[in-house]
């Protein structure tokens, strides 16, 4: 029985009407073999091109693997991939508080193959702290969906300090002059400004020690390389009451996983009643139909039990919202933190 390729040869290259001699028979067999080989290569190339149309969708994350943003991105990627029948991969681009990943999104083709999952620092704080961040959220990004809008930042002390309450920090600082270093996930971040507010409120000389993300900062904090740390509560929760003790959280109410830990407002630290938010963006000019498809995919993924479970493990409150809700939430954070940044005396870099 002839193969499919041979049948296609007969259609595309009909037999030549020459007198059949041993010489012509040999030549025809050789030509036929060559044509079969060439057509087989063409078929393989076509299959390769078809496979490329289903290439994985990248979810850019501007923070190292192991942090809360990375964990959320991987959970969403797995469920969205199953639901949409397409592979999703997380592409970590850590550095500069998410700036590198944001710039990568700006330069990506608006073909639906690149997304960015980021927290409010990248889109709501960097525009206040950098003269030229290299991107304009309103012009260069297309909002897709909000995935969390009530995340808290938290202050923690290493267990070796033996500090159990915020009010004990000044005495420790007096006994350990020059060592009041507070690790933060990025320079010019909400945690970094929180350190400044804490220093003024407690009348201590507090220094923010910036890292390239929450995960490496928490690694140093739990190892005792820095005595204090301020970052996402979800990054600190796994270590609470073991290597570190969480002393206070941001927001207007106590963290559901930390009912015994007061808010900064309860401790008379003003300016830290904001929550962290996390959202998904696409490059500007991505077709509206593609944005709608991903917005719905995020909504469906957020309802999946395995994603809910991941949020619970991280101690992060899920908070789905559509594209408009994402824009409004990030603008609210920007409006709230803008005055705090200016009053701190911080000079945009």
C-alpha atoms as a PDB file:
ATOM      1  CA  UNK A   1       0.000   0.000   0.000  1.00  0.00           C
ATOM      2  CA  UNK A   2       1.349   3.452  -0.921  1.00  0.00           C
ATOM      3  CA  UNK A   3       2.055   5.971   1.816  1.00  0.00           C
ATOM      4  CA  UNK A   4       0.242   9.292   2.152  1.00  0.00           C
ATOM      5  CA  UNK A   5       3.372  11.061   0.928  1.00  0.00           C
ATOM      6  CA  UNK A   6       3.515   8.806  -2.167  1.00  0.00           C
ATOM      7  CA  UNK A   7      -0.135   9.479  -2.934  1.00  0.00           C
ATOM      8  CA  UNK A   8       0.557  13.229  -2.734  1.00  0.00           C
ATOM      9  CA  UNK A   9       3.521  12.700  -5.115  1.00  0.00           C
ATOM     10  CA  UNK A  10       1.202  11.167  -7.700  1.00  0.00           C
ATOM     11  CA  UNK A  11      -1.139  14.151  -7.493  1.00  0.00           C
ATOM     12  CA  UNK A  12       1.549  16.835  -7.620  1.00  0.00           C
ATOM     13  CA  UNK A  13       4.002  15.118  -9.933  1.00  0.00           C
ATOM     14  CA  UNK A  14       2.143  12.904 -12.476  1.00  0.00           C
ATOM     15  CA  UNK A  15       4.124  10.250 -14.299  1.00  0.00           C
ATOM     16  CA  UNK A  16       6.040  11.535 -17.326  1.00  0.00           C
ATOM     17  CA  UNK A  17       4.939  10.027 -20.638  1.00  0.00           C
ATOM     18  CA  UNK A  18       8.248   8.824 -22.029  1.00  0.00           C
ATOM     19  CA  UNK A  19       9.027   5.465 -23.536  1.00  0.00           C
ATOM     20  CA  UNK A  20       9.900   3.139 -20.690  1.00  0.00           C
ATOM     21  CA  UNK A  21      13.467   1.921 -21.025  1.00  0.00           C
ATOM     22  CA  UNK A  22      15.817   0.647 -18.323  1.00  0.00           C
ATOM     23  CA  UNK A  23      17.552   4.020 -18.304  1.00  0.00           C
ATOM     24  CA  UNK A  24      14.385   6.079 -18.096  1.00  0.00           C
ATOM     25  CA  UNK A  25      12.967   3.712 -15.458  1.00  0.00           C
ATOM     26  CA  UNK A  26      16.035   4.243 -13.295  1.00  0.00           C
ATOM     27  CA  UNK A  27      15.882   8.023 -13.751  1.00  0.00           C
ATOM     28  CA  UNK A  28      12.173   8.115 -12.883  1.00  0.00           C
ATOM     29  CA  UNK A  29      12.729   6.103  -9.737  1.00  0.00           C
ATOM     30  CA  UNK A  30      15.538   8.454  -8.700  1.00  0.00           C
ATOM     31  CA  UNK A  31      13.438  11.559  -9.386  1.00  0.00           C
ATOM     32  CA  UNK A  32      10.498  10.029  -7.586  1.00  0.00           C
ATOM     33  CA  UNK A  33      12.657   9.243  -4.526  1.00  0.00           C
ATOM     34  CA  UNK A  34      14.052  12.770  -4.461  1.00  0.00           C
ATOM     35  CA  UNK A  35      10.596  14.267  -4.731  1.00  0.00           C
ATOM     36  CA  UNK A  36       9.341  12.063  -1.894  1.00  0.00           C
ATOM     37  CA  UNK A  37      12.249  13.219   0.289  1.00  0.00           C
ATOM     38  CA  UNK A  38      11.656  16.882  -0.536  1.00  0.00           C
ATOM     39  CA  UNK A  39       7.938  16.622   0.108  1.00  0.00           C
ATOM     40  CA  UNK A  40       8.562  14.839   3.405  1.00  0.00           C
ATOM     41  CA  UNK A  41      10.804  17.731   4.473  1.00  0.00           C
ATOM     42  CA  UNK A  42       8.066  20.160   3.466  1.00  0.00           C
ATOM     43  CA  UNK A  43       5.460  18.258   5.471  1.00  0.00           C
ATOM     44  CA  UNK A  44       7.759  18.259   8.532  1.00  0.00           C
ATOM     45  CA  UNK A  45       8.351  21.993   8.147  1.00  0.00           C
ATOM     46  CA  UNK A  46       4.614  22.609   7.953  1.00  0.00           C
ATOM     47  CA  UNK A  47       4.036  20.572  11.107  1.00  0.00           C
ATOM     48  CA  UNK A  48       6.792  22.563  12.862  1.00  0.00           C
ATOM     49  CA  UNK A  49       5.205  25.856  11.858  1.00  0.00           C
ATOM     50  CA  UNK A  50       1.824  24.643  13.083  1.00  0.00           C
ATOM     51  CA  UNK A  51       3.336  23.676  16.429  1.00  0.00           C
ATOM     52  CA  UNK A  52       4.803  27.140  16.839  1.00  0.00           C
ATOM     53  CA  UNK A  53       1.349  28.717  16.732  1.00  0.00           C
ATOM     54  CA  UNK A  54       0.644  27.067  20.074  1.00  0.00           C
ATOM     55  CA  UNK A  55       3.776  28.307  21.809  1.00  0.00           C
ATOM     56  CA  UNK A  56       3.572  28.824  25.579  1.00  0.00           C
ATOM     57  CA  UNK A  57       2.234  32.052  27.014  1.00  0.00           C
ATOM     58  CA  UNK A  58       4.844  33.725  29.208  1.00  0.00           C
ATOM     59  CA  UNK A  59       3.784  35.215  32.528  1.00  0.00           C
ATOM     60  CA  UNK A  60       6.510  37.678  33.469  1.00  0.00           C
ATOM     61  CA  UNK A  61       7.191  38.062  37.200  1.00  0.00           C
ATOM     62  CA  UNK A  62       9.553  40.806  38.346  1.00  0.00           C
ATOM     63  CA  UNK A  63      10.604  38.990  41.508  1.00  0.00           C
ATOM     64  CA  UNK A  64      12.651  35.868  42.253  1.00  0.00           C
ATOM     65  CA  UNK A  65      11.267  32.357  42.331  1.00  0.00           C
ATOM     66  CA  UNK A  66      10.042  31.360  45.770  1.00  0.00           C
ATOM     67  CA  UNK A  67       8.266  34.609  46.617  1.00  0.00           C
ATOM     68  CA  UNK A  68       4.528  35.147  46.914  1.00  0.00           C
ATOM     69  CA  UNK A  69       4.136  36.768  43.473  1.00  0.00           C
ATOM     70  CA  UNK A  70       5.965  33.840  41.879  1.00  0.00           C
ATOM     71  CA  UNK A  71       3.788  31.309  43.723  1.00  0.00           C
ATOM     72  CA  UNK A  72       0.585  33.050  42.645  1.00  0.00           C
ATOM     73  CA  UNK A  73       1.767  33.227  39.036  1.00  0.00           C
ATOM     74  CA  UNK A  74       2.590  29.511  38.962  1.00  0.00           C
ATOM     75  CA  UNK A  75      -0.796  28.560  40.415  1.00  0.00           C
ATOM     76  CA  UNK A  76      -2.632  30.684  37.870  1.00  0.00           C
ATOM     77  CA  UNK A  77      -0.421  29.443  35.024  1.00  0.00           C
ATOM     78  CA  UNK A  78      -1.223  25.809  35.780  1.00  0.00           C
ATOM     79  CA  UNK A  79      -4.978  26.259  35.945  1.00  0.00           C
ATOM     80  CA  UNK A  80      -5.225  28.719  33.047  1.00  0.00           C
ATOM     81  CA  UNK A  81      -3.163  26.369  30.899  1.00  0.00           C
ATOM     82  CA  UNK A  82      -5.522  23.466  31.587  1.00  0.00           C
ATOM     83  CA  UNK A  83      -8.636  25.539  30.999  1.00  0.00           C
ATOM     84  CA  UNK A  84      -7.416  27.148  27.780  1.00  0.00           C
ATOM     85  CA  UNK A  85      -5.593  24.113  26.422  1.00  0.00           C
ATOM     86  CA  UNK A  86      -2.349  26.030  26.055  1.00  0.00           C
ATOM     87  CA  UNK A  87       0.888  25.954  28.017  1.00  0.00           C
ATOM     88  CA  UNK A  88       1.627  28.860  30.364  1.00  0.00           C
ATOM     89  CA  UNK A  89       5.119  29.340  31.776  1.00  0.00           C
ATOM     90  CA  UNK A  90       6.403  31.713  34.450  1.00  0.00           C
ATOM     91  CA  UNK A  91       9.341  33.844  33.337  1.00  0.00           C
ATOM     92  CA  UNK A  92      11.087  35.383  36.354  1.00  0.00           C
ATOM     93  CA  UNK A  93      12.809  38.699  35.577  1.00  0.00           C
ATOM     94  CA  UNK A  94      13.847  39.859  39.069  1.00  0.00           C
ATOM     95  CA  UNK A  95      15.411  43.215  39.768  1.00  0.00           C
ATOM     96  CA  UNK A  96      14.669  46.882  40.396  1.00  0.00           C
ATOM     97  CA  UNK A  97      11.347  46.210  42.100  1.00  0.00           C
ATOM     98  CA  UNK A  98       9.723  44.706  39.020  1.00  0.00           C
ATOM     99  CA  UNK A  99      11.095  47.329  36.641  1.00  0.00           C
ATOM    100  CA  UNK A 100      12.936  44.800  34.443  1.00  0.00           C
ATOM    101  CA  UNK A 101       9.822  42.678  33.969  1.00  0.00           C
ATOM    102  CA  UNK A 102       7.686  45.754  33.272  1.00  0.00           C
ATOM    103  CA  UNK A 103      10.066  46.947  30.582  1.00  0.00           C
ATOM    104  CA  UNK A 104      10.048  43.445  29.080  1.00  0.00           C
ATOM    105  CA  UNK A 105       6.252  43.583  28.877  1.00  0.00           C
ATOM    106  CA  UNK A 106       6.382  46.965  27.161  1.00  0.00           C
ATOM    107  CA  UNK A 107       8.710  45.629  24.447  1.00  0.00           C
ATOM    108  CA  UNK A 108       6.753  42.382  23.934  1.00  0.00           C
ATOM    109  CA  UNK A 109       4.557  41.872  20.879  1.00  0.00           C
ATOM    110  CA  UNK A 110       0.855  42.475  21.622  1.00  0.00           C
ATOM    111  CA  UNK A 111      -0.033  39.028  20.316  1.00  0.00           C
ATOM    112  CA  UNK A 112      -1.389  37.509  23.511  1.00  0.00           C
ATOM    113  CA  UNK A 113       1.732  35.460  24.198  1.00  0.00           C
ATOM    114  CA  UNK A 114       3.100  37.639  27.019  1.00  0.00           C
ATOM    115  CA  UNK A 115       1.501  38.699  30.300  1.00  0.00           C
ATOM    116  CA  UNK A 116       2.831  40.323  33.464  1.00  0.00           C
ATOM    117  CA  UNK A 117       1.780  39.451  37.001  1.00  0.00           C
ATOM    118  CA  UNK A 118       2.944  42.131  39.387  1.00  0.00           C
ATOM    119  CA  UNK A 119       2.168  43.839  42.651  1.00  0.00           C
ATOM    120  CA  UNK A 120       1.352  47.488  43.210  1.00  0.00           C
ATOM    121  CA  UNK A 121       4.997  48.469  43.692  1.00  0.00           C
ATOM    122  CA  UNK A 122       5.739  48.191  39.981  1.00  0.00           C
ATOM    123  CA  UNK A 123       2.733  50.076  38.643  1.00  0.00           C
ATOM    124  CA  UNK A 124       1.688  52.357  41.526  1.00  0.00           C
ATOM    125  CA  UNK A 125       4.930  53.207  43.356  1.00  0.00           C
ATOM    126  CA  UNK A 126       7.745  53.227  40.785  1.00  0.00           C
ATOM    127  CA  UNK A 127       6.153  56.147  38.878  1.00  0.00           C
ATOM    128  CA  UNK A 128       6.567  58.197  42.104  1.00  0.00           C
ATOM    129  CA  UNK A 129      10.137  57.105  42.836  1.00  0.00           C
ATOM    130  CA  UNK A 130      11.760  57.064  39.389  1.00  0.00           C
ATOM    131  CA  UNK A 131      12.110  60.052  37.096  1.00  0.00           C
ATOM    132  CA  UNK A 132      12.017  57.797  34.057  1.00  0.00           C
ATOM    133  CA  UNK A 133      10.886  54.241  34.755  1.00  0.00           C
ATOM    134  CA  UNK A 134      10.944  53.455  31.050  1.00  0.00           C
ATOM    135  CA  UNK A 135       7.236  52.692  30.836  1.00  0.00           C
ATOM    136  CA  UNK A 136       3.892  54.431  31.254  1.00  0.00           C
ATOM    137  CA  UNK A 137       1.255  52.180  32.784  1.00  0.00           C
ATOM    138  CA  UNK A 138      -1.662  53.927  31.048  1.00  0.00           C
ATOM    139  CA  UNK A 139       0.002  53.948  27.619  1.00  0.00           C
ATOM    140  CA  UNK A 140       2.115  50.811  27.582  1.00  0.00           C
ATOM    141  CA  UNK A 141       0.042  48.275  29.534  1.00  0.00           C
ATOM    142  CA  UNK A 142      -3.419  46.820  29.045  1.00  0.00           C
ATOM    143  CA  UNK A 143      -5.041  45.797  32.358  1.00  0.00           C
ATOM    144  CA  UNK A 144      -6.355  42.229  32.387  1.00  0.00           C
ATOM    145  CA  UNK A 145      -7.504  41.329  35.901  1.00  0.00           C
ATOM    146  CA  UNK A 146      -7.031  41.925  39.608  1.00  0.00           C
ATOM    147  CA  UNK A 147      -6.136  38.820  41.626  1.00  0.00           C
ATOM    148  CA  UNK A 148      -5.533  40.212  45.112  1.00  0.00           C
ATOM    149  CA  UNK A 149      -6.467  43.545  46.650  1.00  0.00           C
ATOM    150  CA  UNK A 150      -6.160  43.109  50.416  1.00  0.00           C
ATOM    151  CA  UNK A 151      -2.635  41.865  50.917  1.00  0.00           C
ATOM    152  CA  UNK A 152      -0.888  43.224  54.012  1.00  0.00           C
ATOM    153  CA  UNK A 153       2.717  44.173  54.571  1.00  0.00           C
ATOM    154  CA  UNK A 154       4.157  43.178  57.916  1.00  0.00           C
ATOM    155  CA  UNK A 155       7.006  44.031  60.260  1.00  0.00           C
ATOM    156  CA  UNK A 156       8.886  41.091  61.766  1.00  0.00           C
ATOM    157  CA  UNK A 157      11.796  40.731  64.181  1.00  0.00           C
ATOM    158  CA  UNK A 158      14.257  37.843  64.236  1.00  0.00           C
ATOM    159  CA  UNK A 159      13.798  35.488  67.190  1.00  0.00           C
ATOM    160  CA  UNK A 160      17.284  36.302  68.511  1.00  0.00           C
ATOM    161  CA  UNK A 161      16.162  39.858  69.326  1.00  0.00           C
ATOM    162  CA  UNK A 162      13.601  38.417  71.782  1.00  0.00           C
ATOM    163  CA  UNK A 163      11.258  41.241  70.751  1.00  0.00           C
ATOM    164  CA  UNK A 164       7.574  40.356  70.980  1.00  0.00           C
ATOM    165  CA  UNK A 165       5.992  43.823  70.685  1.00  0.00           C
ATOM    166  CA  UNK A 166       6.611  46.885  68.550  1.00  0.00           C
ATOM    167  CA  UNK A 167       7.119  49.009  71.677  1.00  0.00           C
ATOM    168  CA  UNK A 168      10.225  46.964  72.577  1.00  0.00           C
ATOM    169  CA  UNK A 169      12.170  48.007  69.473  1.00  0.00           C
ATOM    170  CA  UNK A 170      13.524  51.355  70.827  1.00  0.00           C
ATOM    171  CA  UNK A 171      15.123  49.649  73.844  1.00  0.00           C
ATOM    172  CA  UNK A 172      16.738  47.037  71.600  1.00  0.00           C
ATOM    173  CA  UNK A 173      18.092  49.792  69.326  1.00  0.00           C
ATOM    174  CA  UNK A 174      19.628  51.597  72.300  1.00  0.00           C
ATOM    175  CA  UNK A 175      21.322  48.384  73.397  1.00  0.00           C
ATOM    176  CA  UNK A 176      22.504  47.624  69.850  1.00  0.00           C
ATOM    177  CA  UNK A 177      23.558  50.972  68.368  1.00  0.00           C
ATOM    178  CA  UNK A 178      24.019  51.101  64.623  1.00  0.00           C
ATOM    179  CA  UNK A 179      22.297  47.737  64.071  1.00  0.00           C
ATOM    180  CA  UNK A 180      18.701  48.821  63.431  1.00  0.00           C
ATOM    181  CA  UNK A 181      18.670  47.457  59.868  1.00  0.00           C
ATOM    182  CA  UNK A 182      15.283  46.665  58.382  1.00  0.00           C
ATOM    183  CA  UNK A 183      15.337  44.408  55.329  1.00  0.00           C
ATOM    184  CA  UNK A 184      12.896  45.446  52.580  1.00  0.00           C
ATOM    185  CA  UNK A 185      12.183  43.763  49.225  1.00  0.00           C
ATOM    186  CA  UNK A 186      13.162  46.751  47.065  1.00  0.00           C
ATOM    187  CA  UNK A 187      14.450  50.317  47.335  1.00  0.00           C
ATOM    188  CA  UNK A 188      11.762  52.969  47.142  1.00  0.00           C
ATOM    189  CA  UNK A 189       9.053  50.408  47.976  1.00  0.00           C
ATOM    190  CA  UNK A 190       6.116  50.693  50.379  1.00  0.00           C
ATOM    191  CA  UNK A 191       8.070  48.603  52.944  1.00  0.00           C
ATOM    192  CA  UNK A 192      11.033  50.972  52.549  1.00  0.00           C
ATOM    193  CA  UNK A 193       8.826  53.985  53.253  1.00  0.00           C
ATOM    194  CA  UNK A 194       7.249  52.080  56.134  1.00  0.00           C
ATOM    195  CA  UNK A 195      10.721  51.873  57.713  1.00  0.00           C
ATOM    196  CA  UNK A 196      10.954  55.663  57.527  1.00  0.00           C
ATOM    197  CA  UNK A 197       7.554  56.050  59.160  1.00  0.00           C
ATOM    198  CA  UNK A 198       8.538  53.583  61.886  1.00  0.00           C
ATOM    199  CA  UNK A 199      11.790  55.434  62.544  1.00  0.00           C
ATOM    200  CA  UNK A 200       9.958  58.709  63.084  1.00  0.00           C
ATOM    201  CA  UNK A 201       7.165  57.196  65.165  1.00  0.00           C
ATOM    202  CA  UNK A 202       9.543  55.237  67.429  1.00  0.00           C
ATOM    203  CA  UNK A 203      12.222  57.966  67.459  1.00  0.00           C
ATOM    204  CA  UNK A 204      14.947  55.574  66.314  1.00  0.00           C
ATOM    205  CA  UNK A 205      17.569  55.691  63.592  1.00  0.00           C
ATOM    206  CA  UNK A 206      16.124  52.980  61.348  1.00  0.00           C
ATOM    207  CA  UNK A 207      17.849  52.028  58.083  1.00  0.00           C
ATOM    208  CA  UNK A 208      16.116  50.281  55.196  1.00  0.00           C
ATOM    209  CA  UNK A 209      18.272  47.523  53.664  1.00  0.00           C
ATOM    210  CA  UNK A 210      16.895  46.841  50.156  1.00  0.00           C
ATOM    211  CA  UNK A 211      16.973  43.416  48.493  1.00  0.00           C
ATOM    212  CA  UNK A 212      15.990  42.091  45.075  1.00  0.00           C
ATOM    213  CA  UNK A 213      12.632  40.765  46.201  1.00  0.00           C
ATOM    214  CA  UNK A 214      10.886  39.464  49.282  1.00  0.00           C
ATOM    215  CA  UNK A 215      12.228  35.906  49.078  1.00  0.00           C
ATOM    216  CA  UNK A 216      15.944  36.762  49.417  1.00  0.00           C
ATOM    217  CA  UNK A 217      15.164  39.310  52.122  1.00  0.00           C
ATOM    218  CA  UNK A 218      13.198  36.762  54.156  1.00  0.00           C
ATOM    219  CA  UNK A 219      16.027  34.246  53.691  1.00  0.00           C
ATOM    220  CA  UNK A 220      18.443  36.706  55.296  1.00  0.00           C
ATOM    221  CA  UNK A 221      15.959  37.652  58.008  1.00  0.00           C
ATOM    222  CA  UNK A 222      15.272  34.046  59.025  1.00  0.00           C
ATOM    223  CA  UNK A 223      19.026  33.394  59.065  1.00  0.00           C
ATOM    224  CA  UNK A 224      19.529  36.319  61.423  1.00  0.00           C
ATOM    225  CA  UNK A 225      21.599  38.409  59.004  1.00  0.00           C
ATOM    226  CA  UNK A 226      19.233  41.346  59.543  1.00  0.00           C
ATOM    227  CA  UNK A 227      17.311  41.819  62.816  1.00  0.00           C
ATOM    228  CA  UNK A 228      14.125  43.228  61.264  1.00  0.00           C
ATOM    229  CA  UNK A 229      12.229  42.915  58.016  1.00  0.00           C
ATOM    230  CA  UNK A 230       9.251  44.582  56.374  1.00  0.00           C
ATOM    231  CA  UNK A 231       7.618  42.831  53.439  1.00  0.00           C
ATOM    232  CA  UNK A 232       4.461  41.061  52.352  1.00  0.00           C
ATOM    233  CA  UNK A 233       2.806  39.265  55.261  1.00  0.00           C
ATOM    234  CA  UNK A 234       2.451  36.202  53.047  1.00  0.00           C
ATOM    235  CA  UNK A 235       6.251  35.967  52.741  1.00  0.00           C
ATOM    236  CA  UNK A 236       6.648  36.053  56.536  1.00  0.00           C
ATOM    237  CA  UNK A 237       3.753  33.856  57.657  1.00  0.00           C
ATOM    238  CA  UNK A 238       5.539  30.491  57.210  1.00  0.00           C
ATOM    239  CA  UNK A 239       8.231  31.635  59.658  1.00  0.00           C
ATOM    240  CA  UNK A 240       6.050  33.358  62.265  1.00  0.00           C
ATOM    241  CA  UNK A 241       6.700  32.201  65.831  1.00  0.00           C
ATOM    242  CA  UNK A 242       9.687  30.141  64.752  1.00  0.00           C
ATOM    243  CA  UNK A 243      12.585  32.061  63.199  1.00  0.00           C
ATOM    244  CA  UNK A 244      10.756  35.414  63.332  1.00  0.00           C
ATOM    245  CA  UNK A 245       7.890  37.104  65.115  1.00  0.00           C
ATOM    246  CA  UNK A 246       5.462  39.328  63.213  1.00  0.00           C
ATOM    247  CA  UNK A 247       4.832  42.493  65.229  1.00  0.00           C
ATOM    248  CA  UNK A 248       2.385  44.519  63.124  1.00  0.00           C
ATOM    249  CA  UNK A 249       0.520  44.473  59.803  1.00  0.00           C
ATOM    250  CA  UNK A 250      -0.774  47.150  57.469  1.00  0.00           C
ATOM    251  CA  UNK A 251      -4.407  47.704  56.587  1.00  0.00           C
ATOM    252  CA  UNK A 252      -7.550  48.756  58.335  1.00  0.00           C
ATOM    253  CA  UNK A 253      -8.180  45.427  60.067  1.00  0.00           C
ATOM    254  CA  UNK A 254      -6.137  42.543  61.426  1.00  0.00           C
ATOM    255  CA  UNK A 255      -4.850  39.845  59.108  1.00  0.00           C
ATOM    256  CA  UNK A 256      -7.168  36.786  59.168  1.00  0.00           C
ATOM    257  CA  UNK A 257      -4.187  34.464  59.713  1.00  0.00           C
ATOM    258  CA  UNK A 258      -2.734  36.710  62.433  1.00  0.00           C
ATOM    259  CA  UNK A 259      -5.645  37.630  64.698  1.00  0.00           C
ATOM    260  CA  UNK A 260      -3.330  38.371  67.642  1.00  0.00           C
ATOM    261  CA  UNK A 261      -1.111  40.761  65.679  1.00  0.00           C
ATOM    262  CA  UNK A 262      -2.209  44.435  65.757  1.00  0.00           C
ATOM    263  CA  UNK A 263      -2.303  46.749  62.775  1.00  0.00           C
ATOM    264  CA  UNK A 264       0.126  49.649  62.552  1.00  0.00           C
ATOM    265  CA  UNK A 265      -2.842  51.984  63.015  1.00  0.00           C
ATOM    266  CA  UNK A 266      -3.688  50.315  66.324  1.00  0.00           C
ATOM    267  CA  UNK A 267      -0.121  51.055  67.410  1.00  0.00           C
ATOM    268  CA  UNK A 268      -0.449  54.730  66.409  1.00  0.00           C
ATOM    269  CA  UNK A 269       1.732  54.371  63.289  1.00  0.00           C
ATOM    270  CA  UNK A 270      -0.032  56.496  60.696  1.00  0.00           C
ATOM    271  CA  UNK A 271       0.173  56.180  56.919  1.00  0.00           C
ATOM    272  CA  UNK A 272       0.216  52.367  56.729  1.00  0.00           C
ATOM    273  CA  UNK A 273      -3.461  51.587  56.363  1.00  0.00           C
ATOM    274  CA  UNK A 274      -2.982  50.597  52.706  1.00  0.00           C
ATOM    275  CA  UNK A 275      -3.170  47.066  51.332  1.00  0.00           C
ATOM    276  CA  UNK A 276      -1.026  45.434  48.687  1.00  0.00           C
ATOM    277  CA  UNK A 277      -2.621  44.514  45.377  1.00  0.00           C
ATOM    278  CA  UNK A 278      -1.587  42.111  42.616  1.00  0.00           C
ATOM    279  CA  UNK A 279      -2.772  42.200  39.026  1.00  0.00           C
ATOM    280  CA  UNK A 280      -2.216  40.843  35.533  1.00  0.00           C
ATOM    281  CA  UNK A 281      -1.364  43.023  32.533  1.00  0.00           C
ATOM    282  CA  UNK A 282      -0.793  42.535  28.800  1.00  0.00           C
ATOM    283  CA  UNK A 283       1.110  44.783  26.376  1.00  0.00           C
ATOM    284  CA  UNK A 284      -0.798  47.795  25.086  1.00  0.00           C
ATOM    285  CA  UNK A 285      -2.592  47.225  21.773  1.00  0.00           C
ATOM    286  CA  UNK A 286      -3.282  43.582  22.589  1.00  0.00           C
ATOM    287  CA  UNK A 287      -6.606  42.858  20.828  1.00  0.00           C
ATOM    288  CA  UNK A 288      -9.652  43.420  23.011  1.00  0.00           C
ATOM    289  CA  UNK A 289     -10.900  39.897  22.351  1.00  0.00           C
ATOM    290  CA  UNK A 290      -7.627  38.479  23.708  1.00  0.00           C
ATOM    291  CA  UNK A 291      -7.824  40.653  26.824  1.00  0.00           C
ATOM    292  CA  UNK A 292     -11.408  39.517  27.439  1.00  0.00           C
ATOM    293  CA  UNK A 293     -10.356  35.884  27.002  1.00  0.00           C
ATOM    294  CA  UNK A 294      -7.610  36.234  29.609  1.00  0.00           C
ATOM    295  CA  UNK A 295      -9.798  38.229  32.001  1.00  0.00           C
ATOM    296  CA  UNK A 296     -12.324  35.410  31.956  1.00  0.00           C
ATOM    297  CA  UNK A 297      -9.538  32.828  32.280  1.00  0.00           C
ATOM    298  CA  UNK A 298      -8.227  34.547  35.413  1.00  0.00           C
ATOM    299  CA  UNK A 299     -11.747  34.735  36.865  1.00  0.00           C
ATOM    300  CA  UNK A 300     -12.281  31.021  36.270  1.00  0.00           C
ATOM    301  CA  UNK A 301      -8.850  30.112  37.657  1.00  0.00           C
ATOM    302  CA  UNK A 302      -9.482  32.156  40.796  1.00  0.00           C
ATOM    303  CA  UNK A 303     -12.562  30.018  41.449  1.00  0.00           C
ATOM    304  CA  UNK A 304     -10.551  26.782  41.243  1.00  0.00           C
ATOM    305  CA  UNK A 305     -10.018  25.036  44.565  1.00  0.00           C
ATOM    306  CA  UNK A 306      -6.277  24.542  44.029  1.00  0.00           C
ATOM    307  CA  UNK A 307      -5.791  28.271  43.479  1.00  0.00           C
ATOM    308  CA  UNK A 308      -7.882  29.084  46.553  1.00  0.00           C
ATOM    309  CA  UNK A 309      -5.757  26.624  48.515  1.00  0.00           C
ATOM    310  CA  UNK A 310      -2.562  28.315  47.327  1.00  0.00           C
ATOM    311  CA  UNK A 311      -3.902  31.683  48.492  1.00  0.00           C
ATOM    312  CA  UNK A 312      -4.694  30.165  51.883  1.00  0.00           C
ATOM    313  CA  UNK A 313      -1.199  28.710  52.211  1.00  0.00           C
ATOM    314  CA  UNK A 314       0.314  32.078  51.330  1.00  0.00           C
ATOM    315  CA  UNK A 315      -1.991  33.882  53.729  1.00  0.00           C
ATOM    316  CA  UNK A 316      -3.105  36.152  50.903  1.00  0.00           C
ATOM    317  CA  UNK A 317      -6.721  37.136  50.434  1.00  0.00           C
ATOM    318  CA  UNK A 318      -7.948  36.424  46.892  1.00  0.00           C
ATOM    319  CA  UNK A 319      -9.726  39.336  45.351  1.00  0.00           C
ATOM    320  CA  UNK A 320     -10.685  38.939  41.706  1.00  0.00           C
ATOM    321  CA  UNK A 321     -11.620  42.023  39.752  1.00  0.00           C
ATOM    322  CA  UNK A 322     -11.932  42.825  36.071  1.00  0.00           C
ATOM    323  CA  UNK A 323      -9.676  45.168  34.104  1.00  0.00           C
ATOM    324  CA  UNK A 324     -11.481  48.280  35.340  1.00  0.00           C
ATOM    325  CA  UNK A 325     -11.195  47.145  38.969  1.00  0.00           C
ATOM    326  CA  UNK A 326      -7.451  46.595  38.519  1.00  0.00           C
ATOM    327  CA  UNK A 327      -6.968  50.124  37.182  1.00  0.00           C
ATOM    328  CA  UNK A 328      -9.048  51.674  39.976  1.00  0.00           C
ATOM    329  CA  UNK A 329      -7.283  49.712  42.728  1.00  0.00           C
ATOM    330  CA  UNK A 330      -3.784  50.604  41.568  1.00  0.00           C
ATOM    331  CA  UNK A 331      -4.756  54.259  41.170  1.00  0.00           C
ATOM    332  CA  UNK A 332      -6.120  54.302  44.722  1.00  0.00           C
ATOM    333  CA  UNK A 333      -2.804  52.952  46.060  1.00  0.00           C
ATOM    334  CA  UNK A 334      -0.863  55.477  44.001  1.00  0.00           C
ATOM    335  CA  UNK A 335      -3.007  58.334  45.327  1.00  0.00           C
ATOM    336  CA  UNK A 336      -2.582  57.155  48.918  1.00  0.00           C
ATOM    337  CA  UNK A 337       1.178  56.609  48.781  1.00  0.00           C
ATOM    338  CA  UNK A 338       2.101  59.665  46.712  1.00  0.00           C
ATOM    339  CA  UNK A 339       1.849  62.081  49.684  1.00  0.00           C
ATOM    340  CA  UNK A 340       3.703  59.649  51.974  1.00  0.00           C
ATOM    341  CA  UNK A 341       6.571  59.432  49.494  1.00  0.00           C
ATOM    342  CA  UNK A 342       6.771  63.189  49.036  1.00  0.00           C
ATOM    343  CA  UNK A 343       6.588  63.907  52.767  1.00  0.00           C
ATOM    344  CA  UNK A 344       9.398  61.452  53.402  1.00  0.00           C
ATOM    345  CA  UNK A 345      11.736  63.710  51.462  1.00  0.00           C
ATOM    346  CA  UNK A 346      12.552  60.930  48.997  1.00  0.00           C
ATOM    347  CA  UNK A 347      14.058  62.292  45.796  1.00  0.00           C
ATOM    348  CA  UNK A 348      13.077  60.444  42.591  1.00  0.00           C
ATOM    349  CA  UNK A 349      16.105  58.755  41.118  1.00  0.00           C
END
